[in-house]
Amino acid sequence: MRINSTSTTAENQNDEKNQELIPGLPDEIAESCLIYLPYPYPSLVRSVSSSWNKAINDPSFLLSKKTLSISLPYIFVFSFQKSTAKLQWQAFDPRSTRWFILPPMPYQNPVCPAAFSCSSLPKQGKLFVLGGMRSDTETPLQSLITYSTATNKWSIGCSMLTPRSYFASGSIGSNIFAAGGSGIGHEDTLSSMECYDPVTDTWTQVAKMISGLARYDAAVIGSKFYVTEGWTWPFSFSPRGGVYDSVKNTWEEMSLGMREGWTGVGVVLDDRLFVISEHGDCRAKFYVPDNETWQYVEGKGFPCGAVQRPFSVSAVEGKIYVVSCGLNVAIGSVYEEKKSLRVEWEVVEAPQAFVNFVPSSSQVVYG
C-alpha cells in the first residue's frame, strides 16, 4: 500500500493548527494561564507542544505580559569559579529564594572574568555583557553579548567601536553606555565613551571623559552616569571621578565630597546612591547631594560573618541585594526615618554547589 506523503503532511499540519493549547479549555483562558507562568518557565515549556511554542513566540504574548505588568524582578549574578575561572550566570528569585542557572554564555576562552562589564535594561528583560579581556594574550575585547528573559537565550550583538577591559557601563533610558577602561597594548586608560542602541543594534561615539579612568565603580542616577576611580585600601591617594550628563552630552569632574566618600561598592535605590564599604565592618552609607556628604545608615550593621568579600550589589523595590563570595545573599530592607535611613539585613545562604563561585556583577532584570 502506498502512502500519500503530501496528504499525510497536510493532515499533520491541520491537526497542529486545530490543536487546543490546554485540552478542555478555550484558547483565550489557556493563553492567560501561559501568560502568568513565572520566569524562566515560559521559555522552558516551548517543547510541550507546537501550539504552546507558537503561542509563547507570538509577539502579542510578550506584549500582553508587559501590559499586565506581571513581570517580576530577579537578581542576575555573573560569577566565576575560583579554581578554574569557569564563568556562570544564575538568577536569584527574591520571593522564593530559589536560583536558576542560565544557559552558558558564548564567549572567547580563556578570559579574565573581572575585565567584563555588565549592564541591563531591567523592564525590557535584557542583560548585556560587554568587552572583557583574553587572559592568555591580555588583549581587550569589543564584543557585546545579550541575554533575553523572554527566550532564555544569548545572542551576539554589534561589537563596540573600541576594545575595552576594566571599564564602566550603565543604562540610561533605553540605551547602554560604555566609558573608559584599558585599551590595546596596555596604553593609558581610555577617555572615549560610546552609546549602544538595542533597537538598531548600533554604537555611536559620544562625549569624551575629561581624563581616562579604569573602572572601579559606577552608577546611574536619573540621566547622569557617575564613574569613580575609587580608593585603594589602605587609602593612599585621593581618587578621581567623572559625571556624564546624557541630556547635555557633557562630562564634568565629580565633586570632592562624593568621590572621597565612595569607599566601596555603590548601588542606586530610588535615585539615592548607597555604598557598602569594602573595609572594616562594611557599614552601609548614602550620599546627601545637598551638602555633598555621606551619612551612615542606622540598623544592626552589615552581617560580615555570613557575607564575605568580594561583593556585587544591586537594588530594587526598597531592598539592597549584596551577593558575596560563595553567592550567599544579604538582603537589606531600607526604611526612611525622619532625616535618616535604617537598613535591616537578612541572609539567604546559597546552594552548596555555589561555594567556590565568586561574584563579579549583579543586575536587576525583570522576567
Protein backbone atom coordinates (compact mmCIF):
# COMPACT_ATOMS: atom_id res chain seq x y z
CA MET A 1 0.00 0.00 0.00
CA ARG A 2 1.40 3.38 -1.00
CA ILE A 3 1.01 6.29 1.42
CA ASN A 4 0.48 9.76 0.03
CA SER A 5 3.14 11.77 1.91
CA THR A 6 1.71 15.10 0.75
CA SER A 7 -1.69 14.22 2.15
CA THR A 8 -0.18 12.99 5.44
CA THR A 9 1.84 16.19 5.88
CA ALA A 10 -1.23 18.32 5.22
CA GLU A 11 -3.23 16.32 7.77
CA ASN A 12 -0.48 16.76 10.40
CA GLN A 13 -0.34 20.48 9.77
CA ASN A 14 -4.11 20.68 10.05
CA ASP A 15 -4.04 18.73 13.34
CA GLU A 16 -1.41 21.12 14.75
CA LYS A 17 -3.47 24.10 13.65
CA ASN A 18 -6.58 22.79 15.40
CA GLN A 19 -4.73 21.55 18.48
CA GLU A 20 -6.01 23.08 21.71
CA LEU A 21 -3.44 24.79 23.95
CA ILE A 22 -4.89 23.07 27.00
CA PRO A 23 -7.47 20.35 26.23
CA GLY A 24 -10.91 21.25 27.53
CA LEU A 25 -10.19 24.99 27.89
CA PRO A 26 -10.93 27.80 25.44
CA ASP A 27 -7.69 29.13 23.94
CA GLU A 28 -8.28 32.59 25.48
CA ILE A 29 -8.22 31.11 29.00
CA ALA A 30 -5.32 28.81 28.17
CA GLU A 31 -3.30 31.78 26.89
CA SER A 32 -3.97 33.60 30.16
CA CYS A 33 -2.61 30.61 32.07
CA LEU A 34 0.58 30.67 29.98
CA ILE A 35 0.99 34.43 30.42
CA TYR A 36 1.06 34.03 34.19
CA LEU A 37 3.85 31.43 34.12
CA PRO A 38 6.78 32.98 36.02
CA TYR A 39 10.33 33.22 34.68
CA PRO A 40 12.04 31.05 33.50
CA TYR A 41 9.22 28.61 32.73
CA PRO A 42 7.70 30.28 29.63
CA SER A 43 10.87 29.63 27.65
CA LEU A 44 11.18 26.09 29.06
CA VAL A 45 7.68 24.87 28.16
CA ARG A 46 8.02 25.58 24.44
CA SER A 47 8.76 21.90 23.92
CA VAL A 48 5.42 20.77 25.41
CA SER A 49 3.67 21.12 22.06
CA SER A 50 3.86 23.04 18.81
CA SER A 51 0.80 25.06 19.82
CA TRP A 52 2.48 26.16 23.08
CA ASN A 53 5.64 27.05 21.19
CA LYS A 54 3.66 29.11 18.69
CA ALA A 55 1.67 30.91 21.41
CA ILE A 56 4.71 31.82 23.52
CA ASN A 57 6.67 33.03 20.48
CA ASP A 58 3.83 35.27 19.34
CA PRO A 59 4.74 38.98 19.83
CA SER A 60 1.27 39.58 21.30
CA PHE A 61 2.13 37.13 24.12
CA LEU A 62 5.10 39.25 25.24
CA LEU A 63 3.07 42.44 24.81
CA SER A 64 0.25 41.07 26.98
CA LYS A 65 2.72 40.04 29.69
CA LYS A 66 4.26 43.52 29.65
CA THR A 67 0.88 45.30 29.56
CA LEU A 68 -0.40 43.32 32.54
CA SER A 69 2.78 44.25 34.47
CA ILE A 70 3.20 40.69 35.69
CA SER A 71 6.94 40.57 35.03
CA LEU A 72 8.84 40.34 38.31
CA PRO A 73 12.40 41.41 39.24
CA TYR A 74 15.19 38.86 39.57
CA ILE A 75 18.79 39.33 40.63
CA PHE A 76 21.06 38.07 37.84
CA VAL A 77 24.56 37.26 39.08
CA PHE A 78 27.66 36.93 36.92
CA SER A 79 30.21 34.77 38.73
CA PHE A 80 33.27 32.64 38.18
CA GLN A 81 34.80 29.59 39.84
CA LYS A 82 37.98 30.42 41.75
CA SER A 83 39.91 27.29 40.79
CA THR A 84 39.00 27.04 37.10
CA ALA A 85 37.82 30.59 36.16
CA LYS A 86 34.68 28.94 34.75
CA LEU A 87 32.02 31.60 34.07
CA GLN A 88 28.42 31.12 35.18
CA TRP A 89 25.29 33.26 35.14
CA GLN A 90 22.46 32.49 37.54
CA ALA A 91 19.24 34.26 38.53
CA PHE A 92 18.06 34.63 42.14
CA ASP A 93 14.32 34.83 42.79
CA PRO A 94 13.86 37.13 45.82
CA ARG A 95 10.37 35.79 46.51
CA SER A 96 11.13 32.06 46.65
CA THR A 97 14.92 32.45 47.28
CA ARG A 98 15.45 29.88 44.51
CA TRP A 99 18.27 30.01 41.97
CA PHE A 100 18.04 29.32 38.22
CA ILE A 101 21.13 28.55 36.14
CA LEU A 102 21.25 30.35 32.80
CA PRO A 103 22.42 28.70 29.58
CA PRO A 104 26.20 29.02 29.02
CA MET A 105 27.23 32.42 27.70
CA PRO A 106 29.05 32.36 24.33
CA TYR A 107 32.48 33.91 24.77
CA GLN A 108 36.11 33.62 23.69
CA ASN A 109 38.17 31.44 26.02
CA PRO A 110 40.28 31.95 28.08
CA VAL A 111 39.12 35.25 29.55
CA CYS A 112 39.63 37.31 32.69
CA PRO A 113 36.22 37.36 34.46
CA ALA A 114 36.72 40.72 36.19
CA ALA A 115 37.53 42.50 32.89
CA PHE A 116 33.95 42.26 31.56
CA SER A 117 31.42 45.00 32.19
CA CYS A 118 27.73 44.17 32.64
CA SER A 119 24.57 46.22 32.37
CA SER A 120 20.83 45.70 31.91
CA LEU A 121 17.57 47.19 30.71
CA PRO A 122 15.50 45.77 33.60
CA LYS A 123 11.94 46.29 32.40
CA GLN A 124 12.81 45.06 28.91
CA GLY A 125 14.20 41.81 30.32
CA LYS A 126 17.58 42.38 28.69
CA LEU A 127 21.05 41.70 30.04
CA PHE A 128 24.28 42.91 28.39
CA VAL A 129 27.86 41.66 28.77
CA LEU A 130 30.41 43.96 27.17
CA GLY A 131 34.10 43.87 26.31
CA GLY A 132 36.45 41.87 28.50
CA MET A 133 39.99 40.57 28.09
CA ARG A 134 41.65 37.39 26.92
CA SER A 135 43.75 36.14 29.79
CA ASP A 136 46.34 34.40 27.58
CA THR A 137 47.25 37.45 25.49
CA GLU A 138 45.90 40.22 27.75
CA THR A 139 44.05 41.57 24.72
CA PRO A 140 40.92 43.66 25.38
CA LEU A 141 37.71 42.63 23.61
CA GLN A 142 34.99 44.66 21.94
CA SER A 143 32.23 42.06 21.93
CA LEU A 144 28.62 42.51 23.03
CA ILE A 145 26.63 39.52 24.30
CA THR A 146 22.92 39.89 25.09
CA TYR A 147 20.55 37.72 27.12
CA SER A 148 16.74 37.88 26.97
CA THR A 149 14.46 36.56 29.72
CA ALA A 150 11.70 36.12 27.12
CA THR A 151 13.65 33.48 25.19
CA ASN A 152 16.16 32.33 27.85
CA LYS A 153 18.83 32.64 25.15
CA TRP A 154 22.05 34.52 24.48
CA SER A 155 22.77 36.35 21.25
CA ILE A 156 25.73 38.23 19.78
CA GLY A 157 25.21 41.96 19.23
CA CYS A 158 27.13 44.59 17.30
CA SER A 159 30.70 44.93 18.56
CA MET A 160 31.76 48.08 20.41
CA LEU A 161 33.69 50.69 18.46
CA THR A 162 36.68 50.29 20.81
CA PRO A 163 38.10 47.18 22.51
CA ARG A 164 37.83 47.70 26.30
CA SER A 165 38.57 45.91 29.55
CA TYR A 166 38.02 47.02 33.14
CA PHE A 167 35.62 49.78 32.10
CA ALA A 168 32.35 51.30 33.25
CA SER A 169 28.94 50.64 31.72
CA GLY A 170 25.38 51.55 32.58
CA SER A 171 21.92 52.08 31.13
CA ILE A 172 20.27 55.47 30.74
CA GLY A 173 16.76 55.36 29.30
CA SER A 174 16.79 52.62 26.68
CA ASN A 175 20.49 52.91 25.78
CA ILE A 176 23.67 51.30 27.10
CA PHE A 177 26.81 53.40 27.69
CA ALA A 178 30.42 52.20 27.90
CA ALA A 179 33.20 54.51 29.14
CA GLY A 180 36.91 54.45 29.85
CA GLY A 181 38.84 51.31 30.69
CA SER A 182 42.04 49.82 29.32
CA GLY A 183 42.70 49.56 25.60
CA ILE A 184 45.01 47.62 23.31
CA GLY A 185 48.69 47.42 24.19
CA HIS A 186 48.30 48.48 27.83
CA GLU A 187 48.07 52.10 26.69
CA ASP A 188 46.97 54.78 29.11
CA THR A 189 43.38 54.42 30.25
CA LEU A 190 40.80 55.26 27.62
CA SER A 191 38.84 58.52 27.73
CA SER A 192 36.40 57.62 24.95
CA MET A 193 32.73 56.77 25.56
CA GLU A 194 30.16 55.15 23.30
CA CYS A 195 26.40 54.56 23.32
CA TYR A 196 24.55 51.42 22.19
CA ASP A 197 21.02 51.49 20.78
CA PRO A 198 19.47 48.00 21.16
CA VAL A 199 16.70 48.81 18.66
CA THR A 200 19.08 49.50 15.77
CA ASP A 201 21.94 47.35 17.16
CA THR A 202 24.42 50.19 16.61
CA TRP A 203 27.10 52.03 18.61
CA THR A 204 27.69 55.78 18.48
CA GLN A 205 30.62 57.79 19.81
CA VAL A 206 29.59 60.38 22.44
CA ALA A 207 31.45 62.98 24.54
CA LYS A 208 34.90 62.01 25.82
CA MET A 209 35.74 61.88 29.50
CA ILE A 210 37.84 64.70 30.95
CA SER A 211 40.54 62.14 31.72
CA GLY A 212 40.72 58.40 31.18
CA LEU A 213 39.60 56.20 34.07
CA ALA A 214 39.90 52.47 34.61
CA ARG A 215 36.64 51.42 36.23
CA TYR A 216 36.47 50.88 39.93
CA ASP A 217 32.78 51.56 40.34
CA ALA A 218 29.96 53.33 38.51
CA ALA A 219 26.30 54.22 39.00
CA VAL A 220 23.44 55.81 37.06
CA ILE A 221 21.14 58.29 38.81
CA GLY A 222 18.44 59.75 36.59
CA SER A 223 20.08 60.98 33.38
CA LYS A 224 23.60 61.09 34.84
CA PHE A 225 26.34 58.48 34.80
CA TYR A 226 28.84 58.54 37.69
CA VAL A 227 32.25 56.85 37.34
CA THR A 228 34.79 56.71 40.16
CA GLU A 229 38.37 55.56 40.16
CA GLY A 230 37.88 54.62 43.79
CA TRP A 231 40.10 54.14 46.78
CA THR A 232 42.92 51.65 47.11
CA TRP A 233 42.97 50.10 50.57
CA PRO A 234 44.87 51.19 52.61
CA PHE A 235 43.98 54.70 51.48
CA SER A 236 46.99 56.11 49.63
CA PHE A 237 45.67 58.72 47.21
CA SER A 238 42.63 60.88 46.51
CA PRO A 239 40.52 59.19 43.81
CA ARG A 240 39.38 60.84 40.61
CA GLY A 241 35.82 60.72 39.33
CA GLY A 242 33.66 61.98 36.48
CA VAL A 243 29.96 62.65 35.85
CA TYR A 244 28.35 62.31 32.42
CA ASP A 245 25.17 64.28 31.66
CA SER A 246 23.33 62.37 28.93
CA VAL A 247 20.98 65.30 28.21
CA LYS A 248 23.82 67.75 27.58
CA ASN A 249 26.28 65.10 26.33
CA THR A 250 28.99 66.56 28.56
CA TRP A 251 31.39 65.40 31.30
CA GLU A 252 32.35 67.23 34.48
CA GLU A 253 34.51 66.44 37.50
CA MET A 254 32.83 64.54 40.33
CA SER A 255 32.54 66.62 43.50
CA LEU A 256 35.29 66.14 46.07
CA GLY A 257 32.87 65.03 48.80
CA MET A 258 31.25 62.43 46.58
CA ARG A 259 34.42 60.80 45.28
CA GLU A 260 36.28 60.79 48.60
CA GLY A 261 33.37 59.13 50.39
CA TRP A 262 32.79 56.50 47.70
CA THR A 263 34.80 53.84 49.56
CA GLY A 264 33.05 50.67 48.50
CA VAL A 265 30.56 49.14 46.07
CA GLY A 266 27.82 51.56 45.01
CA VAL A 267 24.18 50.86 44.26
CA VAL A 268 21.24 53.12 43.44
CA LEU A 269 17.85 52.68 45.10
CA ASP A 270 15.05 55.18 44.40
CA ASP A 271 17.57 57.66 42.92
CA ARG A 272 19.64 57.55 46.11
CA LEU A 273 23.26 56.35 45.99
CA PHE A 274 24.31 53.83 48.64
CA VAL A 275 27.77 52.38 49.23
CA ILE A 276 28.62 49.13 51.01
CA SER A 277 32.09 49.79 52.42
CA GLU A 278 34.77 47.26 51.47
CA HIS A 279 36.78 47.65 54.65
CA GLY A 280 36.19 47.41 58.37
CA ASP A 281 32.66 46.41 59.35
CA CYS A 282 31.26 47.02 55.81
CA ARG A 283 28.76 49.60 57.05
CA ALA A 284 26.33 51.00 54.51
CA LYS A 285 26.10 54.74 53.87
CA PHE A 286 24.25 57.01 51.46
CA TYR A 287 25.14 60.20 49.65
CA VAL A 288 23.47 63.52 50.57
CA PRO A 289 23.72 65.78 47.45
CA ASP A 290 22.60 68.98 49.23
CA ASN A 291 25.80 69.21 51.28
CA GLU A 292 27.97 66.72 49.33
CA THR A 293 28.46 64.43 52.30
CA TRP A 294 27.88 60.78 53.19
CA GLN A 295 25.72 59.58 56.05
CA TYR A 296 25.79 56.11 57.62
CA VAL A 297 22.52 54.19 57.75
CA GLU A 298 21.06 53.08 61.05
CA GLY A 299 20.40 49.46 61.99
CA LYS A 300 22.17 46.44 63.45
CA GLY A 301 25.02 46.56 60.96
CA PHE A 302 26.05 44.52 57.97
CA PRO A 303 26.28 40.71 58.50
CA CYS A 304 30.04 40.45 57.86
CA GLY A 305 30.28 36.99 59.39
CA ALA A 306 27.95 35.35 56.88
CA VAL A 307 28.72 37.52 53.86
CA GLN A 308 32.35 37.62 52.76
CA ARG A 309 34.04 39.93 50.24
CA PRO A 310 34.21 40.41 47.31
CA PHE A 311 30.69 41.78 46.79
CA SER A 312 28.41 42.55 43.89
CA VAL A 313 25.41 44.74 44.65
CA SER A 314 22.02 45.55 43.12
CA ALA A 315 18.78 47.08 44.39
CA VAL A 316 15.06 47.04 43.59
CA GLU A 317 11.71 47.59 45.30
CA GLY A 318 13.07 49.04 48.53
CA LYS A 319 15.76 46.39 49.06
CA ILE A 320 19.51 46.12 48.57
CA TYR A 321 20.92 42.75 47.49
CA VAL A 322 24.57 42.06 48.32
CA VAL A 323 25.91 38.87 46.74
CA SER A 324 29.09 37.60 48.37
CA CYS A 325 31.79 35.02 47.81
CA GLY A 326 30.01 31.64 47.68
CA LEU A 327 26.92 33.53 46.42
CA ASN A 328 25.29 33.97 49.82
CA VAL A 329 22.90 36.94 49.58
CA ALA A 330 22.45 39.65 52.21
CA ILE A 331 19.08 41.37 51.70
CA GLY A 332 18.78 44.81 53.23
CA SER A 333 15.28 46.29 53.64
CA VAL A 334 15.56 50.09 53.63
CA TYR A 335 13.29 52.22 55.83
CA GLU A 336 13.14 56.00 55.98
CA GLU A 337 13.02 57.51 59.47
CA LYS A 338 12.80 61.30 59.74
CA LYS A 339 16.08 62.56 58.26
CA SER A 340 17.86 59.24 58.40
CA LEU A 341 17.66 55.76 56.89
CA ARG A 342 17.66 52.36 58.54
CA VAL A 343 18.55 49.01 56.95
CA GLU A 344 17.54 45.64 58.37
CA TRP A 345 19.57 42.72 56.99
CA GLU A 346 18.75 39.06 56.47
CA VAL A 347 20.99 36.44 54.89
CA VAL A 348 19.96 33.79 52.36
CA GLU A 349 22.54 31.03 52.05
CA ALA A 350 23.34 29.80 48.55
CA PRO A 351 23.28 26.13 47.49
CA GLN A 352 26.45 24.20 48.36
CA ALA A 353 27.17 23.87 44.63
CA PHE A 354 28.00 27.60 44.55
CA VAL A 355 30.55 27.52 47.37
CA ASN A 356 33.55 28.04 45.06
CA PHE A 357 32.00 30.82 42.97
CA VAL A 358 32.96 34.49 43.25
CA PRO A 359 30.50 37.23 42.13
CA SER A 360 31.65 39.71 39.52
CA SER A 361 28.44 41.62 38.76
CA SER A 362 24.78 41.73 39.80
CA GLN A 363 21.99 43.11 37.63
CA VAL A 364 18.25 43.51 38.18
CA VAL A 365 16.26 42.10 35.27
CA TYR A 366 12.51 41.52 35.05
CA GLY A 367 11.25 38.19 33.77
